Amino acid sequence: DTEPEAGQTPFRVTWTITNGTKKPYDLDEFGYQAQGATTGGE
C-alpha cells in the first residue's frame, strides 16, 4: 500500500457499472479520473 504525502487527504471513490446490453463490456475501454472540485486540484 502507498500512503498519501503530508498535507494530503486520502480517499476512495466507489462506483457501479451496469451492462444493459446483450454483449460483454471490455472494462479496459473505460477511463476514469478524480480531481479536486472546490478550488481545483490534482
PDB file of all heavy atoms in Angstrom:
ATOM      1  N   ASP A   1       0.828  -1.207   0.000  1.00  0.00           N
ATOM      2  CA  ASP A   1       0.000   0.000   0.000  1.00  0.00           C
ATOM      3  C   ASP A   1       0.863   1.258   0.000  1.00  0.00           C
ATOM      4  O   ASP A   1       1.951   1.280   0.570  1.00  0.00           O
ATOM      5  CB  ASP A   1      -0.911   0.042   1.229  1.00  0.00           C
ATOM      6  CG  ASP A   1      -2.020  -0.988   1.169  1.00  0.00           C
ATOM      7  OD1 ASP A   1      -2.099  -1.726   0.171  1.00  0.00           O
ATOM      8  OD2 ASP A   1      -2.803  -1.049   2.115  1.00  0.00           O
ATOM      9  N   THR A   2       0.351   2.296  -0.651  1.00  0.00           N
ATOM     10  CA  THR A   2       1.031   3.587  -0.623  1.00  0.00           C
ATOM     11  C   THR A   2       0.248   4.528   0.283  1.00  0.00           C
ATOM     12  O   THR A   2      -0.977   4.456   0.367  1.00  0.00           O
ATOM     13  CB  THR A   2       1.138   4.205  -2.036  1.00  0.00           C
ATOM     14  OG1 THR A   2      -0.156   4.264  -2.629  1.00  0.00           O
ATOM     15  CG2 THR A   2       2.070   3.402  -2.916  1.00  0.00           C
ATOM     16  N   GLU A   3       0.975   5.389   0.966  1.00  0.00           N
ATOM     17  CA  GLU A   3       0.355   6.360   1.869  1.00  0.00           C
ATOM     18  C   GLU A   3       0.405   7.739   1.219  1.00  0.00           C
ATOM     19  O   GLU A   3       1.318   8.028   0.441  1.00  0.00           O
ATOM     20  CB  GLU A   3       1.096   6.391   3.201  1.00  0.00           C
ATOM     21  CG  GLU A   3       0.929   5.128   4.000  1.00  0.00           C
ATOM     22  CD  GLU A   3       1.513   5.265   5.390  1.00  0.00           C
ATOM     23  OE1 GLU A   3       1.497   6.381   5.947  1.00  0.00           O
ATOM     24  OE2 GLU A   3       1.995   4.256   5.911  1.00  0.00           O
ATOM     25  N   PRO A   4      -0.556   8.590   1.547  1.00  0.00           N
ATOM     26  CA  PRO A   4      -0.513   9.944   0.997  1.00  0.00           C
ATOM     27  C   PRO A   4       0.648  10.729   1.605  1.00  0.00           C
ATOM     28  O   PRO A   4       1.100  10.435   2.710  1.00  0.00           O
ATOM     29  CB  PRO A   4      -1.855  10.540   1.415  1.00  0.00           C
ATOM     30  CG  PRO A   4      -2.258   9.763   2.612  1.00  0.00           C
ATOM     31  CD  PRO A   4      -1.703   8.375   2.428  1.00  0.00           C
ATOM     32  N   GLU A   5       1.112  11.711   0.865  1.00  0.00           N
ATOM     33  CA  GLU A   5       2.160  12.590   1.374  1.00  0.00           C
ATOM     34  C   GLU A   5       1.576  13.488   2.462  1.00  0.00           C
ATOM     35  O   GLU A   5       0.345  13.614   2.579  1.00  0.00           O
ATOM     36  CB  GLU A   5       2.713  13.434   0.224  1.00  0.00           C
ATOM     37  CG  GLU A   5       3.436  12.616  -0.818  1.00  0.00           C
ATOM     38  CD  GLU A   5       3.972  13.460  -1.952  1.00  0.00           C
ATOM     39  OE1 GLU A   5       4.157  14.682  -1.777  1.00  0.00           O
ATOM     40  OE2 GLU A   5       4.207  12.894  -3.026  1.00  0.00           O
ATOM     41  N   ALA A   6       2.438  14.118   3.238  1.00  0.00           N
ATOM     42  CA  ALA A   6       1.992  15.053   4.278  1.00  0.00           C
ATOM     43  C   ALA A   6       1.155  16.156   3.625  1.00  0.00           C
ATOM     44  O   ALA A   6       1.469  16.605   2.518  1.00  0.00           O
ATOM     45  CB  ALA A   6       3.201  15.658   4.987  1.00  0.00           C
ATOM     46  N   GLY A   7       0.084  16.551   4.297  1.00  0.00           N
ATOM     47  CA  GLY A   7      -0.782  17.604   3.774  1.00  0.00           C
ATOM     48  C   GLY A   7      -1.790  17.128   2.746  1.00  0.00           C
ATOM     49  O   GLY A   7      -2.459  17.929   2.116  1.00  0.00           O
ATOM     50  N   GLN A   8      -1.896  15.809   2.571  1.00  0.00           N
ATOM     51  CA  GLN A   8      -2.828  15.224   1.609  1.00  0.00           C
ATOM     52  C   GLN A   8      -3.921  14.455   2.346  1.00  0.00           C
ATOM     53  O   GLN A   8      -3.665  13.842   3.372  1.00  0.00           O
ATOM     54  CB  GLN A   8      -2.096  14.251   0.680  1.00  0.00           C
ATOM     55  CG  GLN A   8      -0.981  14.855  -0.130  1.00  0.00           C
ATOM     56  CD  GLN A   8      -1.469  15.354  -1.461  1.00  0.00           C
ATOM     57  OE1 GLN A   8      -2.325  14.763  -2.100  1.00  0.00           O
ATOM     58  NE2 GLN A   8      -0.930  16.481  -1.885  1.00  0.00           N
ATOM     59  N   THR A   9      -5.131  14.494   1.793  1.00  0.00           N
ATOM     60  CA  THR A   9      -6.255  13.730   2.331  1.00  0.00           C
ATOM     61  C   THR A   9      -6.478  12.513   1.438  1.00  0.00           C
ATOM     62  O   THR A   9      -6.724  12.661   0.238  1.00  0.00           O
ATOM     63  CB  THR A   9      -7.544  14.583   2.339  1.00  0.00           C
ATOM     64  OG1 THR A   9      -7.320  15.758   3.110  1.00  0.00           O
ATOM     65  CG2 THR A   9      -8.720  13.800   2.897  1.00  0.00           C
ATOM     66  N   PRO A  10      -6.379  11.294   1.988  1.00  0.00           N
ATOM     67  CA  PRO A  10      -6.653  10.101   1.178  1.00  0.00           C
ATOM     68  C   PRO A  10      -8.161   9.880   1.055  1.00  0.00           C
ATOM     69  O   PRO A  10      -8.922  10.229   1.947  1.00  0.00           O
ATOM     70  CB  PRO A  10      -6.015   8.977   1.986  1.00  0.00           C
ATOM     71  CG  PRO A  10      -6.088   9.445   3.402  1.00  0.00           C
ATOM     72  CD  PRO A  10      -5.968  10.945   3.348  1.00  0.00           C
ATOM     73  N   PHE A  11      -8.588   9.316  -0.078  1.00  0.00           N
ATOM     74  CA  PHE A  11      -9.998   8.979  -0.257  1.00  0.00           C
ATOM     75  C   PHE A  11     -10.140   7.877  -1.294  1.00  0.00           C
ATOM     76  O   PHE A  11      -9.243   7.625  -2.090  1.00  0.00           O
ATOM     77  CB  PHE A  11     -10.830  10.211  -0.635  1.00  0.00           C
ATOM     78  CG  PHE A  11     -10.504  10.816  -1.969  1.00  0.00           C
ATOM     79  CD1 PHE A  11     -11.247  10.509  -3.106  1.00  0.00           C
ATOM     80  CD2 PHE A  11      -9.462  11.725  -2.092  1.00  0.00           C
ATOM     81  CE1 PHE A  11     -10.952  11.082  -4.328  1.00  0.00           C
ATOM     82  CE2 PHE A  11      -9.158  12.311  -3.311  1.00  0.00           C
ATOM     83  CZ  PHE A  11      -9.905  11.985  -4.436  1.00  0.00           C
ATOM     84  N   ARG A  12     -11.289   7.232  -1.245  1.00  0.00           N
ATOM     85  CA  ARG A  12     -11.632   6.154  -2.177  1.00  0.00           C
ATOM     86  C   ARG A  12     -12.923   6.536  -2.896  1.00  0.00           C
ATOM     87  O   ARG A  12     -13.877   6.974  -2.268  1.00  0.00           O
ATOM     88  CB  ARG A  12     -11.839   4.849  -1.421  1.00  0.00           C
ATOM     89  CG  ARG A  12     -12.382   3.720  -2.293  1.00  0.00           C
ATOM     90  CD  ARG A  12     -12.531   2.438  -1.509  1.00  0.00           C
ATOM     91  NE  ARG A  12     -11.207   1.807  -1.467  1.00  0.00           N
ATOM     92  CZ  ARG A  12     -10.859   0.866  -0.613  1.00  0.00           C
ATOM     93  NH1 ARG A  12     -11.706   0.444   0.294  1.00  0.00           N
ATOM     94  NH2 ARG A  12      -9.641   0.353  -0.637  1.00  0.00           N
ATOM     95  N   VAL A  13     -12.925   6.347  -4.204  1.00  0.00           N
ATOM     96  CA  VAL A  13     -14.132   6.533  -4.997  1.00  0.00           C
ATOM     97  C   VAL A  13     -14.668   5.143  -5.311  1.00  0.00           C
ATOM     98  O   VAL A  13     -13.922   4.262  -5.729  1.00  0.00           O
ATOM     99  CB  VAL A  13     -13.849   7.304  -6.307  1.00  0.00           C
ATOM    100  CG1 VAL A  13     -15.099   7.414  -7.156  1.00  0.00           C
ATOM    101  CG2 VAL A  13     -13.270   8.683  -6.008  1.00  0.00           C
ATOM    102  N   THR A  14     -15.972   4.937  -5.105  1.00  0.00           N
ATOM    103  CA  THR A  14     -16.632   3.667  -5.405  1.00  0.00           C
ATOM    104  C   THR A  14     -17.742   3.934  -6.411  1.00  0.00           C
ATOM    105  O   THR A  14     -18.512   4.867  -6.245  1.00  0.00           O
ATOM    106  CB  THR A  14     -17.236   3.056  -4.120  1.00  0.00           C
ATOM    107  OG1 THR A  14     -16.190   2.886  -3.157  1.00  0.00           O
ATOM    108  CG2 THR A  14     -17.897   1.718  -4.397  1.00  0.00           C
ATOM    109  N   TRP A  15     -17.817   3.131  -7.467  1.00  0.00           N
ATOM    110  CA  TRP A  15     -18.861   3.292  -8.474  1.00  0.00           C
ATOM    111  C   TRP A  15     -19.306   1.927  -8.977  1.00  0.00           C
ATOM    112  O   TRP A  15     -18.619   0.941  -8.819  1.00  0.00           O
ATOM    113  CB  TRP A  15     -18.377   4.171  -9.640  1.00  0.00           C
ATOM    114  CG  TRP A  15     -17.320   3.551 -10.486  1.00  0.00           C
ATOM    115  CD1 TRP A  15     -17.504   2.828 -11.638  1.00  0.00           C
ATOM    116  CD2 TRP A  15     -15.908   3.572 -10.259  1.00  0.00           C
ATOM    117  NE1 TRP A  15     -16.300   2.406 -12.124  1.00  0.00           N
ATOM    118  CE2 TRP A  15     -15.304   2.857 -11.307  1.00  0.00           C
ATOM    119  CE3 TRP A  15     -15.102   4.131  -9.282  1.00  0.00           C
ATOM    120  CZ2 TRP A  15     -13.933   2.683 -11.391  1.00  0.00           C
ATOM    121  CZ3 TRP A  15     -13.730   3.954  -9.369  1.00  0.00           C
ATOM    122  CH2 TRP A  15     -13.160   3.247 -10.408  1.00  0.00           C
ATOM    123  N   THR A  16     -20.496   1.912  -9.575  1.00  0.00           N
ATOM    124  CA  THR A  16     -21.068   0.688 -10.123  1.00  0.00           C
ATOM    125  C   THR A  16     -21.369   0.889 -11.599  1.00  0.00           C
ATOM    126  O   THR A  16     -21.910   1.924 -11.983  1.00  0.00           O
ATOM    127  CB  THR A  16     -22.362   0.307  -9.379  1.00  0.00           C
ATOM    128  OG1 THR A  16     -22.050   0.110  -7.993  1.00  0.00           O
ATOM    129  CG2 THR A  16     -22.988  -0.959  -9.940  1.00  0.00           C
ATOM    130  N   ILE A  17     -21.008  -0.090 -12.404  1.00  0.00           N
ATOM    131  CA  ILE A  17     -21.332  -0.099 -13.828  1.00  0.00           C
ATOM    132  C   ILE A  17     -22.296  -1.251 -14.064  1.00  0.00           C
ATOM    133  O   ILE A  17     -22.065  -2.363 -13.598  1.00  0.00           O
ATOM    134  CB  ILE A  17     -20.077  -0.276 -14.698  1.00  0.00           C
ATOM    135  CG1 ILE A  17     -19.185   0.949 -14.570  1.00  0.00           C
ATOM    136  CG2 ILE A  17     -20.449  -0.539 -16.149  1.00  0.00           C
ATOM    137  CD1 ILE A  17     -17.919   0.872 -15.385  1.00  0.00           C
ATOM    138  N   THR A  18     -23.372  -0.965 -14.786  1.00  0.00           N
ATOM    139  CA  THR A  18     -24.342  -1.990 -15.166  1.00  0.00           C
ATOM    140  C   THR A  18     -24.304  -2.154 -16.673  1.00  0.00           C
ATOM    141  O   THR A  18     -24.416  -1.174 -17.408  1.00  0.00           O
ATOM    142  CB  THR A  18     -25.759  -1.595 -14.713  1.00  0.00           C
ATOM    143  OG1 THR A  18     -25.761  -1.443 -13.292  1.00  0.00           O
ATOM    144  CG2 THR A  18     -26.778  -2.649 -15.122  1.00  0.00           C
ATOM    145  N   ASN A  19     -24.119  -3.371 -17.130  1.00  0.00           N
ATOM    146  CA  ASN A  19     -24.106  -3.663 -18.556  1.00  0.00           C
ATOM    147  C   ASN A  19     -25.525  -4.016 -18.984  1.00  0.00           C
ATOM    148  O   ASN A  19     -25.975  -5.137 -18.790  1.00  0.00           O
ATOM    149  CB  ASN A  19     -23.143  -4.805 -18.874  1.00  0.00           C
ATOM    150  CG  ASN A  19     -23.059  -5.089 -20.358  1.00  0.00           C
ATOM    151  OD1 ASN A  19     -23.838  -4.571 -21.148  1.00  0.00           O
ATOM    152  ND2 ASN A  19     -22.113  -5.922 -20.731  1.00  0.00           N
ATOM    153  N   GLY A  20     -26.213  -3.067 -19.577  1.00  0.00           N
ATOM    154  CA  GLY A  20     -27.586  -3.279 -20.035  1.00  0.00           C
ATOM    155  C   GLY A  20     -27.666  -3.721 -21.485  1.00  0.00           C
ATOM    156  O   GLY A  20     -28.730  -3.670 -22.091  1.00  0.00           O
ATOM    157  N   THR A  21     -26.542  -4.169 -22.048  1.00  0.00           N
ATOM    158  CA  THR A  21     -26.538  -4.609 -23.441  1.00  0.00           C
ATOM    159  C   THR A  21     -26.588  -6.137 -23.502  1.00  0.00           C
ATOM    160  O   THR A  21     -26.629  -6.800 -22.466  1.00  0.00           O
ATOM    161  CB  THR A  21     -25.266  -4.119 -24.171  1.00  0.00           C
ATOM    162  OG1 THR A  21     -24.139  -4.866 -23.700  1.00  0.00           O
ATOM    163  CG2 THR A  21     -25.050  -2.628 -23.953  1.00  0.00           C
ATOM    164  N   LYS A  22     -26.524  -6.665 -24.718  1.00  0.00           N
ATOM    165  CA  LYS A  22     -26.510  -8.112 -24.901  1.00  0.00           C
ATOM    166  C   LYS A  22     -25.106  -8.632 -25.176  1.00  0.00           C
ATOM    167  O   LYS A  22     -24.922  -9.799 -25.494  1.00  0.00           O
ATOM    168  CB  LYS A  22     -27.446  -8.494 -26.041  1.00  0.00           C
ATOM    169  CG  LYS A  22     -28.884  -8.173 -25.708  1.00  0.00           C
ATOM    170  CD  LYS A  22     -29.834  -8.607 -26.771  1.00  0.00           C
ATOM    171  CE  LYS A  22     -31.220  -8.155 -26.345  1.00  0.00           C
ATOM    172  NZ  LYS A  22     -32.275  -8.921 -26.853  1.00  0.00           N
ATOM    173  N   LYS A  23     -24.107  -7.727 -25.062  1.00  0.00           N
ATOM    174  CA  LYS A  23     -22.716  -8.111 -25.289  1.00  0.00           C
ATOM    175  C   LYS A  23     -21.899  -7.765 -24.048  1.00  0.00           C
ATOM    176  O   LYS A  23     -22.215  -6.816 -23.341  1.00  0.00           O
ATOM    177  CB  LYS A  23     -22.136  -7.338 -26.468  1.00  0.00           C
ATOM    178  CG  LYS A  23     -22.801  -7.629 -27.790  1.00  0.00           C
ATOM    179  CD  LYS A  23     -22.143  -6.796 -28.877  1.00  0.00           C
ATOM    180  CE  LYS A  23     -22.810  -7.011 -30.213  1.00  0.00           C
ATOM    181  NZ  LYS A  23     -22.196  -6.168 -31.252  1.00  0.00           N
ATOM    182  N   PRO A  24     -20.803  -8.482 -23.807  1.00  0.00           N
ATOM    183  CA  PRO A  24     -19.930  -8.130 -22.682  1.00  0.00           C
ATOM    184  C   PRO A  24     -19.262  -6.775 -22.918  1.00  0.00           C
ATOM    185  O   PRO A  24     -18.994  -6.403 -24.057  1.00  0.00           O
ATOM    186  CB  PRO A  24     -18.881  -9.240 -22.664  1.00  0.00           C
ATOM    187  CG  PRO A  24     -19.413 -10.319 -23.531  1.00  0.00           C
ATOM    188  CD  PRO A  24     -20.363  -9.701 -24.501  1.00  0.00           C
ATOM    189  N   TYR A  25     -19.022  -6.051 -21.853  1.00  0.00           N
ATOM    190  CA  TYR A  25     -18.227  -4.817 -21.897  1.00  0.00           C
ATOM    191  C   TYR A  25     -16.776  -5.181 -21.636  1.00  0.00           C
ATOM    192  O   TYR A  25     -16.487  -5.920 -20.691  1.00  0.00           O
ATOM    193  CB  TYR A  25     -18.611  -3.858 -20.767  1.00  0.00           C
ATOM    194  CG  TYR A  25     -19.808  -2.989 -20.956  1.00  0.00           C
ATOM    195  CD1 TYR A  25     -20.459  -2.487 -19.833  1.00  0.00           C
ATOM    196  CD2 TYR A  25     -20.296  -2.622 -22.196  1.00  0.00           C
ATOM    197  CE1 TYR A  25     -21.556  -1.658 -19.945  1.00  0.00           C
ATOM    198  CE2 TYR A  25     -21.392  -1.793 -22.318  1.00  0.00           C
ATOM    199  CZ  TYR A  25     -22.020  -1.311 -21.195  1.00  0.00           C
ATOM    200  OH  TYR A  25     -23.098  -0.496 -21.301  1.00  0.00           O
ATOM    201  N   ASP A  26     -15.883  -4.612 -22.410  1.00  0.00           N
ATOM    202  CA  ASP A  26     -14.459  -4.693 -22.107  1.00  0.00           C
ATOM    203  C   ASP A  26     -14.165  -3.507 -21.191  1.00  0.00           C
ATOM    204  O   ASP A  26     -14.160  -2.357 -21.631  1.00  0.00           O
ATOM    205  CB  ASP A  26     -13.628  -4.605 -23.382  1.00  0.00           C
ATOM    206  CG  ASP A  26     -12.131  -4.671 -23.119  1.00  0.00           C
ATOM    207  OD1 ASP A  26     -11.719  -4.679 -21.939  1.00  0.00           O
ATOM    208  OD2 ASP A  26     -11.378  -4.712 -24.110  1.00  0.00           O
ATOM    209  N   LEU A  27     -13.980  -3.765 -19.916  1.00  0.00           N
ATOM    210  CA  LEU A  27     -13.813  -2.693 -18.937  1.00  0.00           C
ATOM    211  C   LEU A  27     -12.529  -1.890 -19.138  1.00  0.00           C
ATOM    212  O   LEU A  27     -12.424  -0.769 -18.644  1.00  0.00           O
ATOM    213  CB  LEU A  27     -13.879  -3.259 -17.522  1.00  0.00           C
ATOM    214  CG  LEU A  27     -15.236  -3.859 -17.160  1.00  0.00           C
ATOM    215  CD1 LEU A  27     -15.162  -4.517 -15.793  1.00  0.00           C
ATOM    216  CD2 LEU A  27     -16.343  -2.818 -17.204  1.00  0.00           C
ATOM    217  N   ASP A  28     -11.581  -2.439 -19.893  1.00  0.00           N
ATOM    218  CA  ASP A  28     -10.356  -1.698 -20.173  1.00  0.00           C
ATOM    219  C   ASP A  28     -10.604  -0.538 -21.137  1.00  0.00           C
ATOM    220  O   ASP A  28      -9.721   0.290 -21.349  1.00  0.00           O
ATOM    221  CB  ASP A  28      -9.283  -2.629 -20.730  1.00  0.00           C
ATOM    222  CG  ASP A  28      -8.831  -3.646 -19.698  1.00  0.00           C
ATOM    223  OD1 ASP A  28      -8.916  -3.348 -18.490  1.00  0.00           O
ATOM    224  OD2 ASP A  28      -8.397  -4.743 -20.101  1.00  0.00           O
ATOM    225  N   GLU A  29     -11.794  -0.468 -21.733  1.00  0.00           N
ATOM    226  CA  GLU A  29     -12.126   0.616 -22.649  1.00  0.00           C
ATOM    227  C   GLU A  29     -12.817   1.787 -21.934  1.00  0.00           C
ATOM    228  O   GLU A  29     -13.274   2.721 -22.569  1.00  0.00           O
ATOM    229  CB  GLU A  29     -12.983   0.093 -23.796  1.00  0.00           C
ATOM    230  CG  GLU A  29     -12.173  -0.850 -24.674  1.00  0.00           C
ATOM    231  CD  GLU A  29     -12.944  -1.436 -25.819  1.00  0.00           C
ATOM    232  OE1 GLU A  29     -14.190  -1.385 -25.822  1.00  0.00           O
ATOM    233  OE2 GLU A  29     -12.292  -1.950 -26.736  1.00  0.00           O
ATOM    234  N   PHE A  30     -12.885   1.724 -20.618  1.00  0.00           N
ATOM    235  CA  PHE A  30     -13.405   2.824 -19.818  1.00  0.00           C
ATOM    236  C   PHE A  30     -12.223   3.517 -19.147  1.00  0.00           C
ATOM    237  O   PHE A  30     -11.262   2.873 -18.735  1.00  0.00           O
ATOM    238  CB  PHE A  30     -14.356   2.323 -18.724  1.00  0.00           C
ATOM    239  CG  PHE A  30     -15.689   1.889 -19.236  1.00  0.00           C
ATOM    240  CD1 PHE A  30     -15.879   0.607 -19.732  1.00  0.00           C
ATOM    241  CD2 PHE A  30     -16.766   2.756 -19.212  1.00  0.00           C
ATOM    242  CE1 PHE A  30     -17.110   0.198 -20.191  1.00  0.00           C
ATOM    243  CE2 PHE A  30     -18.002   2.356 -19.674  1.00  0.00           C
ATOM    244  CZ  PHE A  30     -18.176   1.078 -20.172  1.00  0.00           C
ATOM    245  N   GLY A  31     -12.306   4.823 -19.024  1.00  0.00           N
ATOM    246  CA  GLY A  31     -11.304   5.578 -18.297  1.00  0.00           C
ATOM    247  C   GLY A  31     -11.988   6.369 -17.200  1.00  0.00           C
ATOM    248  O   GLY A  31     -13.182   6.681 -17.301  1.00  0.00           O
ATOM    249  N   TYR A  32     -11.266   6.701 -16.165  1.00  0.00           N
ATOM    250  CA  TYR A  32     -11.853   7.459 -15.061  1.00  0.00           C
ATOM    251  C   TYR A  32     -10.775   8.266 -14.370  1.00  0.00           C
ATOM    252  O   TYR A  32      -9.595   7.931 -14.427  1.00  0.00           O
ATOM    253  CB  TYR A  32     -12.553   6.526 -14.070  1.00  0.00           C
ATOM    254  CG  TYR A  32     -11.706   5.376 -13.617  1.00  0.00           C
ATOM    255  CD1 TYR A  32     -10.890   5.485 -12.499  1.00  0.00           C
ATOM    256  CD2 TYR A  32     -11.709   4.168 -14.312  1.00  0.00           C
ATOM    257  CE1 TYR A  32     -10.105   4.415 -12.085  1.00  0.00           C
ATOM    258  CE2 TYR A  32     -10.926   3.105 -13.904  1.00  0.00           C
ATOM    259  CZ  TYR A  32     -10.129   3.236 -12.795  1.00  0.00           C
ATOM    260  OH  TYR A  32      -9.341   2.195 -12.385  1.00  0.00           O
ATOM    261  N   GLN A  33     -11.207   9.362 -13.751  1.00  0.00           N
ATOM    262  CA  GLN A  33     -10.270  10.193 -13.004  1.00  0.00           C
ATOM    263  C   GLN A  33     -11.017  11.016 -11.965  1.00  0.00           C
ATOM    264  O   GLN A  33     -12.198  11.296 -12.118  1.00  0.00           O
ATOM    265  CB  GLN A  33      -9.487  11.116 -13.926  1.00  0.00           C
ATOM    266  CG  GLN A  33     -10.305  12.229 -14.530  1.00  0.00           C
ATOM    267  CD  GLN A  33      -9.425  13.236 -15.266  1.00  0.00           C
ATOM    268  OE1 GLN A  33      -8.234  13.057 -15.408  1.00  0.00           O
ATOM    269  NE2 GLN A  33     -10.020  14.296 -15.718  1.00  0.00           N
ATOM    270  N   ALA A  34     -10.310  11.369 -10.921  1.00  0.00           N
ATOM    271  CA  ALA A  34     -10.842  12.236  -9.871  1.00  0.00           C
ATOM    272  C   ALA A  34      -9.997  13.498  -9.828  1.00  0.00           C
ATOM    273  O   ALA A  34      -8.783  13.437 -10.039  1.00  0.00           O
ATOM    274  CB  ALA A  34     -10.812  11.527  -8.518  1.00  0.00           C
ATOM    275  N   GLN A  35     -10.656  14.613  -9.554  1.00  0.00           N
ATOM    276  CA  GLN A  35      -9.978  15.901  -9.407  1.00  0.00           C
ATOM    277  C   GLN A  35     -10.619  16.640  -8.248  1.00  0.00           C
ATOM    278  O   GLN A  35     -11.779  16.386  -7.915  1.00  0.00           O
ATOM    279  CB  GLN A  35     -10.157  16.765 -10.650  1.00  0.00           C
ATOM    280  CG  GLN A  35      -9.697  16.154 -11.929  1.00  0.00           C
ATOM    281  CD  GLN A  35     -10.107  17.021 -13.108  1.00  0.00           C
ATOM    282  OE1 GLN A  35     -11.182  17.602 -13.128  1.00  0.00           O
ATOM    283  NE2 GLN A  35      -9.243  17.103 -14.093  1.00  0.00           N
ATOM    284  N   GLY A  36      -9.887  17.588  -7.711  1.00  0.00           N
ATOM    285  CA  GLY A  36     -10.474  18.456  -6.699  1.00  0.00           C
ATOM    286  C   GLY A  36     -11.544  19.325  -7.331  1.00  0.00           C
ATOM    287  O   GLY A  36     -11.397  19.784  -8.464  1.00  0.00           O
ATOM    288  N   ALA A  37     -12.650  19.545  -6.627  1.00  0.00           N
ATOM    289  CA  ALA A  37     -13.753  20.321  -7.180  1.00  0.00           C
ATOM    290  C   ALA A  37     -13.971  21.644  -6.452  1.00  0.00           C
ATOM    291  O   ALA A  37     -14.728  22.474  -6.919  1.00  0.00           O
ATOM    292  CB  ALA A  37     -15.047  19.495  -7.141  1.00  0.00           C
ATOM    293  N   THR A  38     -13.324  21.855  -5.321  1.00  0.00           N
ATOM    294  CA  THR A  38     -13.515  23.087  -4.557  1.00  0.00           C
ATOM    295  C   THR A  38     -12.734  24.223  -5.196  1.00  0.00           C
ATOM    296  O   THR A  38     -13.285  25.238  -5.600  1.00  0.00           O
ATOM    297  CB  THR A  38     -13.056  22.903  -3.096  1.00  0.00           C
ATOM    298  OG1 THR A  38     -13.771  21.801  -2.536  1.00  0.00           O
ATOM    299  CG2 THR A  38     -13.340  24.141  -2.279  1.00  0.00           C
ATOM    300  N   THR A  39     -11.410  24.046  -5.294  1.00  0.00           N
ATOM    301  CA  THR A  39     -10.538  25.060  -5.895  1.00  0.00           C
ATOM    302  C   THR A  39      -9.749  24.448  -7.039  1.00  0.00           C
ATOM    303  O   THR A  39      -8.727  24.990  -7.444  1.00  0.00           O
ATOM    304  CB  THR A  39      -9.550  25.616  -4.852  1.00  0.00           C
ATOM    305  OG1 THR A  39      -8.752  24.534  -4.369  1.00  0.00           O
ATOM    306  CG2 THR A  39     -10.256  26.279  -3.703  1.00  0.00           C
ATOM    307  N   GLY A  40     -10.206  23.332  -7.542  1.00  0.00           N
ATOM    308  CA  GLY A  40      -9.411  22.571  -8.496  1.00  0.00           C
ATOM    309  C   GLY A  40      -8.517  21.650  -7.708  1.00  0.00           C
ATOM    310  O   GLY A  40      -8.809  21.301  -6.578  1.00  0.00           O
ATOM    311  N   GLY A  41      -7.434  21.298  -8.265  1.00  0.00           N
ATOM    312  CA  GLY A  41      -6.501  20.452  -7.541  1.00  0.00           C
ATOM    313  C   GLY A  41      -6.335  19.106  -8.202  1.00  0.00           C
ATOM    314  O   GLY A  41      -7.303  18.472  -8.586  1.00  0.00           O
ATOM    315  N   GLU A  42      -5.101  18.720  -8.355  1.00  0.00           N
ATOM    316  CA  GLU A  42      -4.777  17.453  -8.967  1.00  0.00           C
ATOM    317  C   GLU A  42      -4.681  16.382  -7.893  1.00  0.00           C
ATOM    318  O   GLU A  42      -4.117  16.610  -6.828  1.00  0.00           O
ATOM    319  CB  GLU A  42      -3.432  17.583  -9.689  1.00  0.00           C
ATOM    320  CG  GLU A  42      -3.101  16.404 -10.541  1.00  0.00           C
ATOM    321  CD  GLU A  42      -1.852  16.649 -11.374  1.00  0.00           C
ATOM    322  OE1 GLU A  42      -1.633  17.784 -11.812  1.00  0.00           O
ATOM    323  OE2 GLU A  42      -1.095  15.679 -11.553  1.00  0.00           O
TER     324      GLU A  42
END
